[in-house]
Amino acid sequence: MLKRLLTSREMLLFGAVAALCALIATRFPGFVAPGNLLRVFNDTSPLILLAIGQMIVILTRCIDLSVAANLALSGMCVAMLNVAYPDLPIPVIIAVAVGLGTLMGMFNGILVWKLAIPPIVVTLGTLTIYRGIIFLVSDGNWVNSHEMSAAFKAFPRAEVLGLPVLGWTAILAIVVFGLVMTRTTLGRAFYAVGGNPHAATYTGLNVGRSQFWAFTISGALAGLTGYLWVSRYAVAYVDIAGGFELDVVAACVIGGVSIAGGIGTVGGAVLGALFLGVIKNALPVVNISPFWQMAISGAAIIIAVALNARATREKGRIILKSAEKPA
């Protein structure tokens, strides 16, 4: 049991994140100070939230490339709502953001489930649609900090026990979806559908419906992140979070989520996001151009996919050897 824990993908990735922090600390000891590590976690929280939703989608052998566009549209809508109704309570604004994100996720899920369109095609299309809608509703204009109410901007920055609400939201999502994926019928259905869709069908699971709920959860988390992102950075515009969907997919793959479906954990997705978060925060510290972040992320994805493929092949060999043993 201990050996399995020490050699697990999550433990190895945790070690890689710790080693990376230690390496950076050799040049800048302040990087590993508790306060700075909390700031790194807080900065990575939007990526963590989206990575959890993306992990669930990938588990079902799908992919959601529209999460960043969903985030941007939800964020723009609630920012404009705040400008029009500055006294609107924050819980109502959050509910609107989550509701909008959920509807967009449901739209993706319906197209995949009922029309049997490949998920990558669906979400590439809705990515463009959602970005276009942002331009239509905003007329290409920005919503700037001075137009937003103080309460709208203050919520994700408010500190509780030294950590902003944004960070606590990520922790809450980790706990909730950790329990959902390991302790509920829905969570087990996601794994079953991704692991073997044909076997899942024979056991009475509706593959399309499970994929629909995966997209719905991903959309809801994207909508929530849309409000948190816009309010934290106090700006909303058409290209907000442009290309961020690539970081989300990278976090999942680096965290051991198999692109073939059926394999992955909430902990792995979170550690993958933290790995990228540490890199993003460390690059300015060590005077490396931010453009290298894309190259490093791409290399990490290739290495992670190679490791996943090797692990799958080795597992297959073990199964075959076990079958060859005489009874």
C-alpha atoms as a PDB file:
ATOM      1  CA  MET A   1       0.000   0.000   0.000  1.00  0.00           C
ATOM      2  CA  LEU A   2       2.803   2.421   0.952  1.00  0.00           C
ATOM      3  CA  LYS A   3       4.794   1.497  -2.159  1.00  0.00           C
ATOM      4  CA  ARG A   4       1.751   2.121  -4.352  1.00  0.00           C
ATOM      5  CA  LEU A   5       1.212   5.518  -2.708  1.00  0.00           C
ATOM      6  CA  LEU A   6       4.838   6.550  -3.152  1.00  0.00           C
ATOM      7  CA  THR A   7       4.857   5.544  -6.825  1.00  0.00           C
ATOM      8  CA  SER A   8       1.446   7.033  -7.681  1.00  0.00           C
ATOM      9  CA  ARG A   9       1.221   9.680 -10.373  1.00  0.00           C
ATOM     10  CA  GLU A  10      -0.073  12.249  -7.903  1.00  0.00           C
ATOM     11  CA  MET A  11       2.799  11.694  -5.476  1.00  0.00           C
ATOM     12  CA  LEU A  12       5.385  11.889  -8.265  1.00  0.00           C
ATOM     13  CA  LEU A  13       3.824  15.110  -9.549  1.00  0.00           C
ATOM     14  CA  PHE A  14       3.730  16.530  -6.029  1.00  0.00           C
ATOM     15  CA  GLY A  15       7.436  15.753  -5.791  1.00  0.00           C
ATOM     16  CA  ALA A  16       8.052  17.481  -9.132  1.00  0.00           C
ATOM     17  CA  VAL A  17       6.224  20.624  -7.949  1.00  0.00           C
ATOM     18  CA  ALA A  18       8.175  20.597  -4.674  1.00  0.00           C
ATOM     19  CA  ALA A  19      11.474  20.094  -6.540  1.00  0.00           C
ATOM     20  CA  LEU A  20      10.638  22.958  -8.890  1.00  0.00           C
ATOM     21  CA  CYS A  21       9.929  25.245  -5.937  1.00  0.00           C
ATOM     22  CA  ALA A  22      13.175  24.170  -4.274  1.00  0.00           C
ATOM     23  CA  LEU A  23      15.116  24.868  -7.474  1.00  0.00           C
ATOM     24  CA  ILE A  24      13.665  28.365  -7.734  1.00  0.00           C
ATOM     25  CA  ALA A  25      14.363  28.944  -4.040  1.00  0.00           C
ATOM     26  CA  THR A  26      18.094  28.407  -4.627  1.00  0.00           C
ATOM     27  CA  ARG A  27      18.118  31.753  -6.438  1.00  0.00           C
ATOM     28  CA  PHE A  28      15.195  33.485  -4.732  1.00  0.00           C
ATOM     29  CA  PRO A  29      14.528  32.085  -1.228  1.00  0.00           C
ATOM     30  CA  GLY A  30      11.479  34.319  -0.834  1.00  0.00           C
ATOM     31  CA  PHE A  31       9.616  32.306  -3.457  1.00  0.00           C
ATOM     32  CA  VAL A  32       8.939  29.471  -0.990  1.00  0.00           C
ATOM     33  CA  ALA A  33       7.849  31.763   1.823  1.00  0.00           C
ATOM     34  CA  PRO A  34       4.365  30.731   3.050  1.00  0.00           C
ATOM     35  CA  GLY A  35       2.843  34.058   2.050  1.00  0.00           C
ATOM     36  CA  ASN A  36       4.186  33.816  -1.482  1.00  0.00           C
ATOM     37  CA  LEU A  37       3.085  30.188  -1.869  1.00  0.00           C
ATOM     38  CA  LEU A  38      -0.424  31.242  -0.838  1.00  0.00           C
ATOM     39  CA  ARG A  39      -0.313  33.953  -3.514  1.00  0.00           C
ATOM     40  CA  VAL A  40       0.785  31.375  -6.108  1.00  0.00           C
ATOM     41  CA  PHE A  41      -2.112  29.119  -5.099  1.00  0.00           C
ATOM     42  CA  ASN A  42      -4.534  32.030  -5.266  1.00  0.00           C
ATOM     43  CA  ASP A  43      -3.245  33.049  -8.709  1.00  0.00           C
ATOM     44  CA  THR A  44      -3.679  29.446  -9.893  1.00  0.00           C
ATOM     45  CA  SER A  45      -7.214  29.087  -8.501  1.00  0.00           C
ATOM     46  CA  PRO A  46      -9.031  29.960 -11.778  1.00  0.00           C
ATOM     47  CA  LEU A  47      -6.970  27.315 -13.580  1.00  0.00           C
ATOM     48  CA  ILE A  48      -7.744  24.788 -10.822  1.00  0.00           C
ATOM     49  CA  LEU A  49     -11.493  25.411 -11.114  1.00  0.00           C
ATOM     50  CA  LEU A  50     -11.482  24.972 -14.885  1.00  0.00           C
ATOM     51  CA  ALA A  51      -9.137  21.965 -14.732  1.00  0.00           C
ATOM     52  CA  ILE A  52     -11.532  20.117 -12.404  1.00  0.00           C
ATOM     53  CA  GLY A  53     -14.388  20.582 -14.884  1.00  0.00           C
ATOM     54  CA  GLN A  54     -12.179  19.675 -17.837  1.00  0.00           C
ATOM     55  CA  MET A  55     -10.987  16.531 -16.044  1.00  0.00           C
ATOM     56  CA  ILE A  56     -14.556  15.297 -15.700  1.00  0.00           C
ATOM     57  CA  VAL A  57     -15.203  15.945 -19.400  1.00  0.00           C
ATOM     58  CA  ILE A  58     -11.999  14.181 -20.498  1.00  0.00           C
ATOM     59  CA  LEU A  59     -12.859  11.215 -18.268  1.00  0.00           C
ATOM     60  CA  THR A  60     -15.906  10.607 -20.483  1.00  0.00           C
ATOM     61  CA  ARG A  61     -13.749  10.582 -23.649  1.00  0.00           C
ATOM     62  CA  CYS A  62     -14.702  14.145 -24.581  1.00  0.00           C
ATOM     63  CA  ILE A  63     -12.964  17.525 -24.482  1.00  0.00           C
ATOM     64  CA  ASP A  64     -14.241  21.041 -23.840  1.00  0.00           C
ATOM     65  CA  LEU A  65     -12.318  23.693 -25.750  1.00  0.00           C
ATOM     66  CA  SER A  66     -14.944  26.348 -25.027  1.00  0.00           C
ATOM     67  CA  VAL A  67     -14.239  26.776 -21.299  1.00  0.00           C
ATOM     68  CA  ALA A  68     -12.247  30.009 -21.686  1.00  0.00           C
ATOM     69  CA  ALA A  69     -14.865  31.486 -24.029  1.00  0.00           C
ATOM     70  CA  ASN A  70     -17.573  30.426 -21.544  1.00  0.00           C
ATOM     71  CA  LEU A  71     -15.584  32.160 -18.788  1.00  0.00           C
ATOM     72  CA  ALA A  72     -15.234  35.305 -20.907  1.00  0.00           C
ATOM     73  CA  LEU A  73     -18.914  35.513 -21.891  1.00  0.00           C
ATOM     74  CA  SER A  74     -20.163  34.850 -18.349  1.00  0.00           C
ATOM     75  CA  GLY A  75     -17.705  37.405 -16.967  1.00  0.00           C
ATOM     76  CA  MET A  76     -18.672  40.062 -19.513  1.00  0.00           C
ATOM     77  CA  CYS A  77     -22.395  39.556 -18.885  1.00  0.00           C
ATOM     78  CA  VAL A  78     -22.135  39.880 -15.099  1.00  0.00           C
ATOM     79  CA  ALA A  79     -19.782  42.869 -15.454  1.00  0.00           C
ATOM     80  CA  MET A  80     -22.340  44.639 -17.662  1.00  0.00           C
ATOM     81  CA  LEU A  81     -25.089  43.592 -15.233  1.00  0.00           C
ATOM     82  CA  ASN A  82     -23.140  45.165 -12.397  1.00  0.00           C
ATOM     83  CA  VAL A  83     -22.736  48.399 -14.344  1.00  0.00           C
ATOM     84  CA  ALA A  84     -26.475  48.525 -15.048  1.00  0.00           C
ATOM     85  CA  TYR A  85     -27.517  47.481 -11.503  1.00  0.00           C
ATOM     86  CA  PRO A  86     -24.634  48.341  -9.128  1.00  0.00           C
ATOM     87  CA  ASP A  87     -26.684  47.529  -6.018  1.00  0.00           C
ATOM     88  CA  LEU A  88     -27.445  43.970  -7.118  1.00  0.00           C
ATOM     89  CA  PRO A  89     -26.323  41.554  -4.337  1.00  0.00           C
ATOM     90  CA  ILE A  90     -23.187  39.542  -5.024  1.00  0.00           C
ATOM     91  CA  PRO A  91     -24.943  36.158  -4.487  1.00  0.00           C
ATOM     92  CA  VAL A  92     -27.350  37.084  -7.296  1.00  0.00           C
ATOM     93  CA  ILE A  93     -24.451  38.002  -9.597  1.00  0.00           C
ATOM     94  CA  ILE A  94     -22.716  34.704  -8.800  1.00  0.00           C
ATOM     95  CA  ALA A  95     -25.943  32.811  -9.469  1.00  0.00           C
ATOM     96  CA  VAL A  96     -26.298  34.546 -12.846  1.00  0.00           C
ATOM     97  CA  ALA A  97     -22.685  33.722 -13.765  1.00  0.00           C
ATOM     98  CA  VAL A  98     -23.063  30.065 -12.785  1.00  0.00           C
ATOM     99  CA  GLY A  99     -26.428  29.883 -14.555  1.00  0.00           C
ATOM    100  CA  LEU A 100     -25.032  31.304 -17.795  1.00  0.00           C
ATOM    101  CA  GLY A 101     -22.048  28.967 -17.668  1.00  0.00           C
ATOM    102  CA  THR A 102     -24.315  25.997 -16.981  1.00  0.00           C
ATOM    103  CA  LEU A 103     -26.520  26.811 -19.975  1.00  0.00           C
ATOM    104  CA  MET A 104     -23.481  27.025 -22.260  1.00  0.00           C
ATOM    105  CA  GLY A 105     -22.193  23.729 -20.907  1.00  0.00           C
ATOM    106  CA  MET A 106     -25.612  22.140 -21.436  1.00  0.00           C
ATOM    107  CA  PHE A 107     -25.638  23.387 -25.024  1.00  0.00           C
ATOM    108  CA  ASN A 108     -22.333  21.620 -25.666  1.00  0.00           C
ATOM    109  CA  GLY A 109     -23.621  18.483 -23.964  1.00  0.00           C
ATOM    110  CA  ILE A 110     -26.872  18.390 -25.945  1.00  0.00           C
ATOM    111  CA  LEU A 111     -25.017  18.665 -29.257  1.00  0.00           C
ATOM    112  CA  VAL A 112     -22.674  15.832 -28.285  1.00  0.00           C
ATOM    113  CA  TRP A 113     -25.434  13.641 -26.817  1.00  0.00           C
ATOM    114  CA  LYS A 114     -28.400  14.100 -29.139  1.00  0.00           C
ATOM    115  CA  LEU A 115     -26.668  14.928 -32.444  1.00  0.00           C
ATOM    116  CA  ALA A 116     -23.602  12.709 -31.896  1.00  0.00           C
ATOM    117  CA  ILE A 117     -21.258  15.449 -33.126  1.00  0.00           C
ATOM    118  CA  PRO A 118     -17.612  14.880 -32.088  1.00  0.00           C
ATOM    119  CA  PRO A 119     -16.890  16.906 -28.913  1.00  0.00           C
ATOM    120  CA  ILE A 120     -13.825  18.625 -30.349  1.00  0.00           C
ATOM    121  CA  VAL A 121     -15.910  19.887 -33.291  1.00  0.00           C
ATOM    122  CA  VAL A 122     -18.758  21.024 -31.041  1.00  0.00           C
ATOM    123  CA  THR A 123     -16.550  22.939 -28.626  1.00  0.00           C
ATOM    124  CA  LEU A 124     -14.410  24.493 -31.352  1.00  0.00           C
ATOM    125  CA  GLY A 125     -17.649  25.804 -32.836  1.00  0.00           C
ATOM    126  CA  THR A 126     -19.109  27.045 -29.565  1.00  0.00           C
ATOM    127  CA  LEU A 127     -15.757  28.611 -28.652  1.00  0.00           C
ATOM    128  CA  THR A 128     -16.137  30.870 -31.685  1.00  0.00           C
ATOM    129  CA  ILE A 129     -19.847  31.415 -31.083  1.00  0.00           C
ATOM    130  CA  TYR A 130     -19.369  32.474 -27.467  1.00  0.00           C
ATOM    131  CA  ARG A 131     -16.533  34.844 -28.375  1.00  0.00           C
ATOM    132  CA  GLY A 132     -18.735  36.352 -31.070  1.00  0.00           C
ATOM    133  CA  ILE A 133     -21.606  36.829 -28.628  1.00  0.00           C
ATOM    134  CA  ILE A 134     -19.266  38.725 -26.279  1.00  0.00           C
ATOM    135  CA  PHE A 135     -18.586  41.204 -29.080  1.00  0.00           C
ATOM    136  CA  LEU A 136     -22.306  41.518 -29.844  1.00  0.00           C
ATOM    137  CA  VAL A 137     -23.429  42.149 -26.253  1.00  0.00           C
ATOM    138  CA  SER A 138     -20.568  44.549 -25.477  1.00  0.00           C
ATOM    139  CA  ASP A 139     -20.272  46.144 -28.917  1.00  0.00           C
ATOM    140  CA  GLY A 140     -16.551  45.589 -28.570  1.00  0.00           C
ATOM    141  CA  ASN A 141     -16.300  47.894 -25.554  1.00  0.00           C
ATOM    142  CA  TRP A 142     -14.442  47.210 -22.320  1.00  0.00           C
ATOM    143  CA  VAL A 143     -15.926  47.279 -18.827  1.00  0.00           C
ATOM    144  CA  ASN A 144     -13.262  48.961 -16.709  1.00  0.00           C
ATOM    145  CA  SER A 145     -12.562  49.074 -12.987  1.00  0.00           C
ATOM    146  CA  HIS A 146     -14.105  52.502 -12.365  1.00  0.00           C
ATOM    147  CA  GLU A 147     -17.428  51.281 -13.813  1.00  0.00           C
ATOM    148  CA  MET A 148     -17.688  48.314 -11.436  1.00  0.00           C
ATOM    149  CA  SER A 149     -19.082  48.612  -7.923  1.00  0.00           C
ATOM    150  CA  ALA A 150     -16.766  48.252  -4.949  1.00  0.00           C
ATOM    151  CA  ALA A 151     -18.606  45.158  -3.680  1.00  0.00           C
ATOM    152  CA  PHE A 152     -18.348  43.487  -7.108  1.00  0.00           C
ATOM    153  CA  LYS A 153     -14.548  43.856  -7.070  1.00  0.00           C
ATOM    154  CA  ALA A 154     -14.047  43.159  -3.366  1.00  0.00           C
ATOM    155  CA  PHE A 155     -15.589  39.684  -3.077  1.00  0.00           C
ATOM    156  CA  PRO A 156     -12.784  37.493  -4.523  1.00  0.00           C
ATOM    157  CA  ARG A 157     -10.129  39.639  -2.809  1.00  0.00           C
ATOM    158  CA  ALA A 158     -11.650  39.454   0.689  1.00  0.00           C
ATOM    159  CA  GLU A 159      -9.311  37.461   2.933  1.00  0.00           C
ATOM    160  CA  VAL A 160     -10.398  34.682   5.281  1.00  0.00           C
ATOM    161  CA  LEU A 161      -7.628  33.235   7.502  1.00  0.00           C
ATOM    162  CA  GLY A 162      -5.015  34.858   5.290  1.00  0.00           C
ATOM    163  CA  LEU A 163      -6.311  33.431   1.992  1.00  0.00           C
ATOM    164  CA  PRO A 164      -8.563  35.364  -0.431  1.00  0.00           C
ATOM    165  CA  VAL A 165     -12.052  34.053  -1.183  1.00  0.00           C
ATOM    166  CA  LEU A 166     -10.844  33.141  -4.685  1.00  0.00           C
ATOM    167  CA  GLY A 167      -8.464  30.596  -3.166  1.00  0.00           C
ATOM    168  CA  TRP A 168     -11.099  29.283  -0.756  1.00  0.00           C
ATOM    169  CA  THR A 169     -13.467  28.787  -3.695  1.00  0.00           C
ATOM    170  CA  ALA A 170     -10.877  26.544  -5.358  1.00  0.00           C
ATOM    171  CA  ILE A 171     -10.416  24.574  -2.116  1.00  0.00           C
ATOM    172  CA  LEU A 172     -14.187  24.125  -1.789  1.00  0.00           C
ATOM    173  CA  ALA A 173     -14.386  22.873  -5.385  1.00  0.00           C
ATOM    174  CA  ILE A 174     -11.526  20.413  -4.752  1.00  0.00           C
ATOM    175  CA  VAL A 175     -13.317  18.979  -1.702  1.00  0.00           C
ATOM    176  CA  VAL A 176     -16.770  18.847  -3.286  1.00  0.00           C
ATOM    177  CA  PHE A 177     -15.713  17.263  -6.563  1.00  0.00           C
ATOM    178  CA  GLY A 178     -13.252  14.983  -4.813  1.00  0.00           C
ATOM    179  CA  LEU A 179     -16.231  13.546  -2.949  1.00  0.00           C
ATOM    180  CA  VAL A 180     -18.468  13.540  -6.049  1.00  0.00           C
ATOM    181  CA  MET A 181     -15.928  11.579  -8.097  1.00  0.00           C
ATOM    182  CA  THR A 182     -15.184   8.994  -5.401  1.00  0.00           C
ATOM    183  CA  ARG A 183     -18.376   8.691  -3.382  1.00  0.00           C
ATOM    184  CA  THR A 184     -21.318   9.162  -5.750  1.00  0.00           C
ATOM    185  CA  THR A 185     -23.013   7.168  -8.483  1.00  0.00           C
ATOM    186  CA  LEU A 186     -22.521  10.049 -10.916  1.00  0.00           C
ATOM    187  CA  GLY A 187     -18.759  10.090 -10.324  1.00  0.00           C
ATOM    188  CA  ARG A 188     -18.494   6.336 -10.855  1.00  0.00           C
ATOM    189  CA  ALA A 189     -20.563   6.693 -14.025  1.00  0.00           C
ATOM    190  CA  PHE A 190     -18.046   9.160 -15.458  1.00  0.00           C
ATOM    191  CA  TYR A 191     -15.235   6.646 -14.932  1.00  0.00           C
ATOM    192  CA  ALA A 192     -17.282   3.750 -16.309  1.00  0.00           C
ATOM    193  CA  VAL A 193     -18.330   5.628 -19.429  1.00  0.00           C
ATOM    194  CA  GLY A 194     -14.783   6.705 -20.189  1.00  0.00           C
ATOM    195  CA  GLY A 195     -13.185   3.387 -19.313  1.00  0.00           C
ATOM    196  CA  ASN A 196     -15.414   1.224 -21.505  1.00  0.00           C
ATOM    197  CA  PRO A 197     -18.476   2.850 -23.117  1.00  0.00           C
ATOM    198  CA  HIS A 198     -19.809  -0.448 -24.495  1.00  0.00           C
ATOM    199  CA  ALA A 199     -19.623  -2.204 -21.139  1.00  0.00           C
ATOM    200  CA  ALA A 200     -21.186   0.860 -19.482  1.00  0.00           C
ATOM    201  CA  THR A 201     -24.106   0.661 -21.904  1.00  0.00           C
ATOM    202  CA  TYR A 202     -24.667  -3.019 -21.078  1.00  0.00           C
ATOM    203  CA  THR A 203     -24.799  -2.170 -17.379  1.00  0.00           C
ATOM    204  CA  GLY A 204     -27.594   0.324 -18.031  1.00  0.00           C
ATOM    205  CA  LEU A 205     -25.609   3.575 -18.123  1.00  0.00           C
ATOM    206  CA  ASN A 206     -26.540   6.150 -20.737  1.00  0.00           C
ATOM    207  CA  VAL A 207     -23.189   7.254 -22.210  1.00  0.00           C
ATOM    208  CA  GLY A 208     -24.581  10.385 -23.863  1.00  0.00           C
ATOM    209  CA  ARG A 209     -26.370  11.496 -20.702  1.00  0.00           C
ATOM    210  CA  SER A 210     -23.206  11.069 -18.628  1.00  0.00           C
ATOM    211  CA  GLN A 211     -21.266  13.151 -21.147  1.00  0.00           C
ATOM    212  CA  PHE A 212     -24.033  15.767 -21.021  1.00  0.00           C
ATOM    213  CA  TRP A 213     -23.660  16.098 -17.244  1.00  0.00           C
ATOM    214  CA  ALA A 214     -19.883  16.296 -17.579  1.00  0.00           C
ATOM    215  CA  PHE A 215     -20.200  19.256 -19.964  1.00  0.00           C
ATOM    216  CA  THR A 216     -22.810  20.831 -17.657  1.00  0.00           C
ATOM    217  CA  ILE A 217     -20.474  20.678 -14.649  1.00  0.00           C
ATOM    218  CA  SER A 218     -17.591  22.061 -16.711  1.00  0.00           C
ATOM    219  CA  GLY A 219     -19.808  24.925 -17.906  1.00  0.00           C
ATOM    220  CA  ALA A 220     -20.997  25.748 -14.374  1.00  0.00           C
ATOM    221  CA  LEU A 221     -17.416  25.951 -13.103  1.00  0.00           C
ATOM    222  CA  ALA A 222     -16.446  28.099 -16.102  1.00  0.00           C
ATOM    223  CA  GLY A 223     -19.314  30.487 -15.370  1.00  0.00           C
ATOM    224  CA  LEU A 224     -18.299  30.791 -11.713  1.00  0.00           C
ATOM    225  CA  THR A 225     -14.688  31.395 -12.769  1.00  0.00           C
ATOM    226  CA  GLY A 226     -15.906  34.068 -15.191  1.00  0.00           C
ATOM    227  CA  TYR A 227     -17.224  36.223 -12.354  1.00  0.00           C
ATOM    228  CA  LEU A 228     -14.195  35.571 -10.136  1.00  0.00           C
ATOM    229  CA  TRP A 229     -11.777  36.407 -12.969  1.00  0.00           C
ATOM    230  CA  VAL A 230     -13.492  39.627 -14.049  1.00  0.00           C
ATOM    231  CA  SER A 231     -14.015  40.892 -10.509  1.00  0.00           C
ATOM    232  CA  ARG A 232     -10.484  40.066  -9.402  1.00  0.00           C
ATOM    233  CA  TYR A 233      -8.772  41.738 -12.357  1.00  0.00           C
ATOM    234  CA  ALA A 234     -11.469  44.466 -12.517  1.00  0.00           C
ATOM    235  CA  VAL A 235     -11.767  44.435 -16.311  1.00  0.00           C
ATOM    236  CA  ALA A 236     -13.867  42.665 -18.932  1.00  0.00           C
ATOM    237  CA  TYR A 237     -13.244  42.631 -22.684  1.00  0.00           C
ATOM    238  CA  VAL A 238     -13.767  40.452 -25.756  1.00  0.00           C
ATOM    239  CA  ASP A 239     -10.466  38.556 -25.647  1.00  0.00           C
ATOM    240  CA  ILE A 240     -10.363  37.924 -21.921  1.00  0.00           C
ATOM    241  CA  ALA A 241      -8.653  34.597 -21.094  1.00  0.00           C
ATOM    242  CA  GLY A 242      -7.782  34.113 -24.765  1.00  0.00           C
ATOM    243  CA  GLY A 243      -6.039  30.762 -25.249  1.00  0.00           C
ATOM    244  CA  PHE A 244      -6.538  29.799 -21.601  1.00  0.00           C
ATOM    245  CA  GLU A 245      -8.301  26.599 -22.650  1.00  0.00           C
ATOM    246  CA  LEU A 246      -4.896  25.242 -23.700  1.00  0.00           C
ATOM    247  CA  ASP A 247      -3.555  25.727 -20.165  1.00  0.00           C
ATOM    248  CA  VAL A 248      -6.627  23.937 -18.814  1.00  0.00           C
ATOM    249  CA  VAL A 249      -6.111  20.898 -21.050  1.00  0.00           C
ATOM    250  CA  ALA A 250      -2.380  20.960 -20.248  1.00  0.00           C
ATOM    251  CA  ALA A 251      -3.089  20.932 -16.499  1.00  0.00           C
ATOM    252  CA  CYS A 252      -5.285  17.851 -16.888  1.00  0.00           C
ATOM    253  CA  VAL A 253      -2.844  15.934 -19.073  1.00  0.00           C
ATOM    254  CA  ILE A 254       0.139  16.796 -16.858  1.00  0.00           C
ATOM    255  CA  GLY A 255      -1.969  15.681 -13.884  1.00  0.00           C
ATOM    256  CA  GLY A 256      -2.332  12.187 -15.319  1.00  0.00           C
ATOM    257  CA  VAL A 257      -5.801  12.494 -16.850  1.00  0.00           C
ATOM    258  CA  SER A 258      -5.818  10.152 -19.836  1.00  0.00           C
ATOM    259  CA  ILE A 259      -6.995  11.700 -23.091  1.00  0.00           C
ATOM    260  CA  ALA A 260      -8.405   8.244 -23.924  1.00  0.00           C
ATOM    261  CA  GLY A 261     -10.822   8.620 -21.002  1.00  0.00           C
ATOM    262  CA  GLY A 262     -11.537   6.697 -17.832  1.00  0.00           C
ATOM    263  CA  ILE A 263      -8.333   7.587 -15.956  1.00  0.00           C
ATOM    264  CA  GLY A 264      -7.724  10.653 -13.800  1.00  0.00           C
ATOM    265  CA  THR A 265      -8.356  12.211 -10.409  1.00  0.00           C
ATOM    266  CA  VAL A 266      -9.274  15.597  -8.996  1.00  0.00           C
ATOM    267  CA  GLY A 267      -5.959  15.616  -7.112  1.00  0.00           C
ATOM    268  CA  GLY A 268      -4.025  14.988 -10.302  1.00  0.00           C
ATOM    269  CA  ALA A 269      -5.762  17.828 -12.151  1.00  0.00           C
ATOM    270  CA  VAL A 270      -5.099  20.189  -9.239  1.00  0.00           C
ATOM    271  CA  LEU A 271      -1.407  19.245  -9.098  1.00  0.00           C
ATOM    272  CA  GLY A 272      -1.137  19.703 -12.871  1.00  0.00           C
ATOM    273  CA  ALA A 273      -2.604  23.183 -12.505  1.00  0.00           C
ATOM    274  CA  LEU A 274      -0.222  23.991  -9.645  1.00  0.00           C
ATOM    275  CA  PHE A 275       2.732  22.792 -11.733  1.00  0.00           C
ATOM    276  CA  LEU A 276       1.807  25.288 -14.448  1.00  0.00           C
ATOM    277  CA  GLY A 277       1.022  27.940 -11.837  1.00  0.00           C
ATOM    278  CA  VAL A 278       4.470  27.632 -10.282  1.00  0.00           C
ATOM    279  CA  ILE A 279       6.087  27.894 -13.726  1.00  0.00           C
ATOM    280  CA  LYS A 280       4.020  30.962 -14.604  1.00  0.00           C
ATOM    281  CA  ASN A 281       4.874  32.721 -11.340  1.00  0.00           C
ATOM    282  CA  ALA A 282       8.534  31.678 -11.420  1.00  0.00           C
ATOM    283  CA  LEU A 283       9.380  32.877 -14.927  1.00  0.00           C
ATOM    284  CA  PRO A 284       9.411  36.609 -14.075  1.00  0.00           C
ATOM    285  CA  VAL A 285      11.382  35.841 -10.909  1.00  0.00           C
ATOM    286  CA  VAL A 286      14.194  34.080 -12.794  1.00  0.00           C
ATOM    287  CA  ASN A 287      14.135  36.625 -15.643  1.00  0.00           C
ATOM    288  CA  ILE A 288      12.877  34.207 -18.295  1.00  0.00           C
ATOM    289  CA  SER A 289      10.577  35.527 -21.024  1.00  0.00           C
ATOM    290  CA  PRO A 290       6.889  34.649 -20.467  1.00  0.00           C
ATOM    291  CA  PHE A 291       6.830  33.361 -24.049  1.00  0.00           C
ATOM    292  CA  TRP A 292       8.833  30.382 -22.819  1.00  0.00           C
ATOM    293  CA  GLN A 293       5.823  29.365 -20.732  1.00  0.00           C
ATOM    294  CA  MET A 294       4.075  28.060 -23.843  1.00  0.00           C
ATOM    295  CA  ALA A 295       7.128  26.038 -24.853  1.00  0.00           C
ATOM    296  CA  ILE A 296       7.492  24.603 -21.351  1.00  0.00           C
ATOM    297  CA  SER A 297       3.779  23.769 -21.182  1.00  0.00           C
ATOM    298  CA  GLY A 298       3.918  22.085 -24.590  1.00  0.00           C
ATOM    299  CA  ALA A 299       6.955  20.023 -23.599  1.00  0.00           C
ATOM    300  CA  ALA A 300       5.239  19.028 -20.345  1.00  0.00           C
ATOM    301  CA  ILE A 301       2.149  17.888 -22.274  1.00  0.00           C
ATOM    302  CA  ILE A 302       4.216  15.703 -24.634  1.00  0.00           C
ATOM    303  CA  ILE A 303       6.128  14.150 -21.738  1.00  0.00           C
ATOM    304  CA  ALA A 304       2.920  13.550 -19.779  1.00  0.00           C
ATOM    305  CA  VAL A 305       1.158  11.916 -22.743  1.00  0.00           C
ATOM    306  CA  ALA A 306       4.221   9.715 -23.329  1.00  0.00           C
ATOM    307  CA  LEU A 307       4.231   8.644 -19.678  1.00  0.00           C
ATOM    308  CA  ASN A 308       0.493   7.934 -19.788  1.00  0.00           C
ATOM    309  CA  ALA A 309       0.887   5.825 -22.939  1.00  0.00           C
ATOM    310  CA  ARG A 310       3.785   3.890 -21.406  1.00  0.00           C
ATOM    311  CA  ALA A 311       1.816   3.219 -18.211  1.00  0.00           C
ATOM    312  CA  THR A 312      -1.125   1.952 -20.265  1.00  0.00           C
ATOM    313  CA  ARG A 313       1.124  -0.392 -22.279  1.00  0.00           C
ATOM    314  CA  GLU A 314       2.742  -1.749 -19.117  1.00  0.00           C
ATOM    315  CA  LYS A 315      -0.671  -2.341 -17.557  1.00  0.00           C
ATOM    316  CA  GLY A 316      -1.717  -4.228 -20.662  1.00  0.00           C
ATOM    317  CA  ARG A 317       1.377  -6.421 -20.483  1.00  0.00           C
ATOM    318  CA  ILE A 318       0.686  -7.252 -16.820  1.00  0.00           C
ATOM    319  CA  ILE A 319      -2.866  -8.289 -17.670  1.00  0.00           C
ATOM    320  CA  LEU A 320      -1.650 -10.477 -20.534  1.00  0.00           C
ATOM    321  CA  LYS A 321       1.011 -12.142 -18.354  1.00  0.00           C
ATOM    322  CA  SER A 322      -1.587 -12.847 -15.689  1.00  0.00           C
ATOM    323  CA  ALA A 323      -3.877 -14.430 -18.293  1.00  0.00           C
ATOM    324  CA  GLU A 324      -1.042 -16.636 -19.573  1.00  0.00           C
ATOM    325  CA  LYS A 325      -0.357 -18.189 -16.148  1.00  0.00           C
ATOM    326  CA  PRO A 326      -1.698 -21.729 -15.832  1.00  0.00           C
ATOM    327  CA  ALA A 327      -4.675 -22.177 -13.584  1.00  0.00           C
END
